[in-house]
Each structure stands twice: as structure tokens, then as C-alpha cells.
């Protein structure tokens, strides 16, 4: 019985070691995979440009939004 349990324990340890290696390989692949990296950089650049334009034209955009909402309010009120 003791020999049987030792074999089962050794098999479980081997499976755990193999699973650990597969997880490590998966994490390494995920961290070093560069697919889509260009798209991420492009999207971030577009977001930065949009934020910069919003900051530059803040007053104009605010006035435009107020005009549109004012006209909408007048239209709905009539």
C-alpha cells in the first residue's frame, strides 16, 4: 500500500511540474508576443491627438455644445 501511494504521489508531483512548465511557457509567450503591438501604439497615438485637440479647442467645443443644447431645448419646448 505504501509503495502504491508513493507512486501516486510521484505521478501527481510530475503532473504538477508539467502543468507549472506549461503555465510558465504560456505566460512567457503572452508577454513576448508582439502581434497587435502596432495597432496598440496607433490607437494610443490617436487618443493623444484627440485629447490634445480637445484641450486646444476647449472653448470652441464648449460654445458649440451649448448652442446645440440650447437649440435642442428650444425645439423641444415649442
N, C-alpha and C. Protein backbone atom coordinates (compact mmCIF):
# COMPACT_ATOMS: atom_id res chain seq x y z
N UNK A 1 0.83 -1.20 0.00
CA UNK A 1 0.00 0.00 0.00
C UNK A 1 0.87 1.26 0.00
N UNK A 2 1.95 1.23 0.79
CA UNK A 2 2.84 2.38 0.87
C UNK A 2 3.48 2.65 -0.50
N UNK A 3 3.89 1.59 -1.17
CA UNK A 3 4.52 1.71 -2.49
C UNK A 3 3.52 2.31 -3.49
N UNK A 4 2.27 1.91 -3.42
CA UNK A 4 1.23 2.42 -4.30
C UNK A 4 1.04 3.93 -4.09
N UNK A 5 0.98 4.35 -2.82
CA UNK A 5 0.80 5.77 -2.50
C UNK A 5 2.01 6.59 -2.93
N UNK A 6 3.21 6.03 -2.79
CA UNK A 6 4.41 6.74 -3.23
C UNK A 6 4.40 6.94 -4.74
N UNK A 7 3.94 5.93 -5.48
CA UNK A 7 3.85 6.05 -6.94
C UNK A 7 2.83 7.11 -7.33
N UNK A 8 1.69 7.10 -6.65
CA UNK A 8 0.66 8.09 -6.93
C UNK A 8 1.15 9.50 -6.61
N UNK A 9 1.87 9.66 -5.51
CA UNK A 9 2.42 10.96 -5.13
C UNK A 9 3.45 11.43 -6.16
N UNK A 10 4.31 10.53 -6.61
CA UNK A 10 5.31 10.87 -7.62
C UNK A 10 4.63 11.27 -8.93
N UNK A 11 3.57 10.56 -9.31
CA UNK A 11 2.85 10.89 -10.54
C UNK A 11 2.17 12.26 -10.41
N UNK A 12 1.61 12.54 -9.24
CA UNK A 12 0.96 13.83 -9.02
C UNK A 12 1.99 14.96 -9.06
N UNK A 13 3.16 14.73 -8.46
CA UNK A 13 4.22 15.74 -8.49
C UNK A 13 4.69 15.98 -9.92
N UNK A 14 4.80 14.91 -10.72
CA UNK A 14 5.22 15.04 -12.11
C UNK A 14 4.19 15.85 -12.92
N UNK A 15 2.90 15.56 -12.70
CA UNK A 15 1.84 16.30 -13.40
C UNK A 15 1.86 17.77 -13.00
N UNK A 16 2.08 18.03 -11.72
CA UNK A 16 2.14 19.41 -11.24
C UNK A 16 3.33 20.16 -11.85
N UNK A 17 4.47 19.49 -11.95
CA UNK A 17 5.65 20.09 -12.56
C UNK A 17 5.40 20.39 -14.05
N UNK A 18 4.77 19.46 -14.75
CA UNK A 18 4.46 19.67 -16.17
C UNK A 18 3.49 20.83 -16.35
N UNK A 19 2.47 20.91 -15.48
CA UNK A 19 1.50 21.99 -15.56
C UNK A 19 2.17 23.33 -15.29
N UNK A 20 3.08 23.34 -14.32
CA UNK A 20 3.81 24.57 -14.00
C UNK A 20 4.63 25.03 -15.20
N UNK A 21 5.29 24.11 -15.87
CA UNK A 21 6.09 24.44 -17.05
C UNK A 21 5.20 24.98 -18.18
N UNK A 22 4.05 24.35 -18.40
CA UNK A 22 3.13 24.82 -19.45
C UNK A 22 2.60 26.21 -19.14
N UNK A 23 2.29 26.47 -17.88
CA UNK A 23 1.81 27.79 -17.49
C UNK A 23 2.90 28.83 -17.70
N UNK A 24 4.14 28.49 -17.31
CA UNK A 24 5.26 29.42 -17.49
C UNK A 24 5.48 29.71 -18.97
N UNK A 25 5.43 28.69 -19.81
CA UNK A 25 5.59 28.90 -21.25
C UNK A 25 4.47 29.77 -21.81
N UNK A 26 3.25 29.54 -21.35
CA UNK A 26 2.12 30.35 -21.81
C UNK A 26 2.26 31.81 -21.41
N UNK A 27 2.69 32.06 -20.18
CA UNK A 27 2.88 33.43 -19.72
C UNK A 27 4.01 34.09 -20.51
N UNK A 28 5.12 33.37 -20.71
CA UNK A 28 6.24 33.92 -21.49
C UNK A 28 5.80 34.25 -22.91
N UNK A 29 5.04 33.36 -23.53
CA UNK A 29 4.55 33.61 -24.88
C UNK A 29 3.65 34.82 -24.91
N UNK A 30 2.76 34.94 -23.93
CA UNK A 30 1.85 36.07 -23.86
C UNK A 30 2.60 37.38 -23.69
N UNK A 31 3.61 37.40 -22.84
CA UNK A 31 4.35 38.63 -22.58
C UNK A 31 5.25 39.04 -23.73
N UNK A 32 5.75 38.09 -24.48
CA UNK A 32 6.70 38.41 -25.54
C UNK A 32 6.09 38.38 -26.94
N UNK A 33 4.82 38.06 -27.04
CA UNK A 33 4.16 38.04 -28.34
C UNK A 33 3.90 39.47 -28.77
N UNK A 34 4.31 39.83 -29.96
CA UNK A 34 4.20 41.21 -30.42
C UNK A 34 3.08 41.41 -31.44
N UNK A 35 2.22 40.45 -31.61
CA UNK A 35 1.10 40.61 -32.53
C UNK A 35 0.17 41.69 -31.97
N UNK A 36 -0.23 42.62 -32.82
CA UNK A 36 -1.14 43.67 -32.40
C UNK A 36 -0.45 44.83 -31.73
N UNK A 37 0.85 44.78 -31.55
CA UNK A 37 1.57 45.84 -30.88
C UNK A 37 1.46 47.14 -31.67
N UNK A 38 1.55 47.07 -32.98
CA UNK A 38 1.46 48.25 -33.82
C UNK A 38 0.08 48.88 -33.70
N UNK A 39 -0.96 48.08 -33.65
CA UNK A 39 -2.31 48.60 -33.50
C UNK A 39 -2.47 49.33 -32.18
N UNK A 40 -1.89 48.80 -31.13
CA UNK A 40 -1.99 49.43 -29.81
C UNK A 40 -1.33 50.80 -29.83
N UNK A 41 -0.14 50.87 -30.41
CA UNK A 41 0.57 52.14 -30.48
C UNK A 41 -0.22 53.15 -31.32
N UNK A 42 -0.78 52.71 -32.42
CA UNK A 42 -1.57 53.59 -33.27
C UNK A 42 -2.80 54.13 -32.53
N UNK A 43 -3.48 53.27 -31.83
CA UNK A 43 -4.67 53.69 -31.09
C UNK A 43 -4.30 54.69 -30.00
N UNK A 44 -3.21 54.42 -29.29
CA UNK A 44 -2.77 55.35 -28.25
C UNK A 44 -2.41 56.71 -28.85
N UNK A 45 -1.75 56.71 -29.99
CA UNK A 45 -1.39 57.96 -30.66
C UNK A 45 -2.64 58.74 -31.06
N UNK A 46 -3.64 58.06 -31.60
CA UNK A 46 -4.89 58.73 -31.98
C UNK A 46 -5.58 59.32 -30.76
N UNK A 47 -5.59 58.58 -29.66
CA UNK A 47 -6.22 59.08 -28.43
C UNK A 47 -5.50 60.34 -27.94
N UNK A 48 -4.19 60.33 -27.97
CA UNK A 48 -3.41 61.50 -27.53
C UNK A 48 -3.72 62.70 -28.42
N UNK A 49 -3.82 62.49 -29.73
CA UNK A 49 -4.12 63.59 -30.65
C UNK A 49 -5.52 64.14 -30.39
N UNK A 50 -6.49 63.27 -30.18
CA UNK A 50 -7.86 63.73 -29.92
C UNK A 50 -7.91 64.52 -28.62
N UNK A 51 -7.22 64.06 -27.58
CA UNK A 51 -7.20 64.80 -26.31
C UNK A 51 -6.53 66.16 -26.50
N UNK A 52 -5.43 66.20 -27.25
CA UNK A 52 -4.74 67.46 -27.49
C UNK A 52 -5.64 68.44 -28.23
N UNK A 53 -6.35 67.96 -29.25
CA UNK A 53 -7.27 68.83 -29.99
C UNK A 53 -8.41 69.32 -29.09
N UNK A 54 -8.89 68.46 -28.23
CA UNK A 54 -9.96 68.86 -27.32
C UNK A 54 -9.48 69.94 -26.36
N UNK A 55 -8.25 69.82 -25.90
CA UNK A 55 -7.70 70.84 -25.00
C UNK A 55 -7.50 72.16 -25.75
N UNK A 56 -6.99 72.08 -26.97
CA UNK A 56 -6.75 73.29 -27.75
C UNK A 56 -8.04 74.04 -28.09
N UNK A 57 -9.09 73.30 -28.42
CA UNK A 57 -10.34 73.91 -28.84
C UNK A 57 -11.43 73.78 -27.78
N UNK A 58 -11.03 73.76 -26.52
CA UNK A 58 -11.97 73.58 -25.41
C UNK A 58 -13.07 74.63 -25.43
N UNK A 59 -12.69 75.89 -25.54
CA UNK A 59 -13.69 76.96 -25.50
C UNK A 59 -14.64 76.87 -26.70
N UNK A 60 -14.10 76.60 -27.87
CA UNK A 60 -14.93 76.49 -29.07
C UNK A 60 -15.89 75.31 -28.96
N UNK A 61 -15.39 74.17 -28.48
CA UNK A 61 -16.25 72.99 -28.34
C UNK A 61 -17.32 73.21 -27.27
N UNK A 62 -16.97 73.91 -26.20
CA UNK A 62 -17.95 74.19 -25.15
C UNK A 62 -19.06 75.09 -25.69
N UNK A 63 -18.68 76.13 -26.42
CA UNK A 63 -19.66 77.04 -27.00
C UNK A 63 -20.56 76.31 -28.00
N UNK A 64 -19.96 75.46 -28.82
CA UNK A 64 -20.72 74.68 -29.79
C UNK A 64 -21.73 73.77 -29.09
N UNK A 65 -21.29 73.09 -28.05
CA UNK A 65 -22.19 72.19 -27.31
C UNK A 65 -23.33 72.98 -26.67
N UNK A 66 -23.03 74.15 -26.11
CA UNK A 66 -24.07 74.97 -25.50
C UNK A 66 -25.08 75.45 -26.55
N UNK A 67 -24.60 75.83 -27.71
CA UNK A 67 -25.51 76.26 -28.78
C UNK A 67 -26.43 75.13 -29.22
N UNK A 68 -25.85 73.95 -29.42
CA UNK A 68 -26.65 72.79 -29.86
C UNK A 68 -27.67 72.42 -28.80
N UNK A 69 -27.26 72.38 -27.54
CA UNK A 69 -28.21 72.04 -26.47
C UNK A 69 -29.27 73.12 -26.31
N UNK A 70 -28.87 74.37 -26.49
CA UNK A 70 -29.87 75.46 -26.41
C UNK A 70 -30.89 75.34 -27.51
N UNK A 71 -30.46 75.08 -28.73
CA UNK A 71 -31.41 74.91 -29.83
C UNK A 71 -32.28 73.69 -29.64
N UNK A 72 -31.70 72.62 -29.09
CA UNK A 72 -32.49 71.42 -28.82
C UNK A 72 -33.55 71.70 -27.76
N UNK A 73 -33.18 72.42 -26.73
CA UNK A 73 -34.12 72.77 -25.68
C UNK A 73 -35.25 73.64 -26.23
N UNK A 74 -34.92 74.61 -27.07
CA UNK A 74 -35.94 75.46 -27.68
C UNK A 74 -36.86 74.65 -28.58
N UNK A 75 -36.30 73.73 -29.32
CA UNK A 75 -37.09 72.89 -30.24
C UNK A 75 -38.06 72.01 -29.46
N UNK A 76 -37.58 71.40 -28.38
CA UNK A 76 -38.41 70.51 -27.59
C UNK A 76 -39.46 71.32 -26.82
N UNK A 77 -39.08 72.53 -26.39
CA UNK A 77 -40.01 73.37 -25.62
C UNK A 77 -41.16 73.88 -26.47
N UNK A 78 -40.98 74.00 -27.77
CA UNK A 78 -42.05 74.53 -28.65
C UNK A 78 -43.11 73.55 -28.90
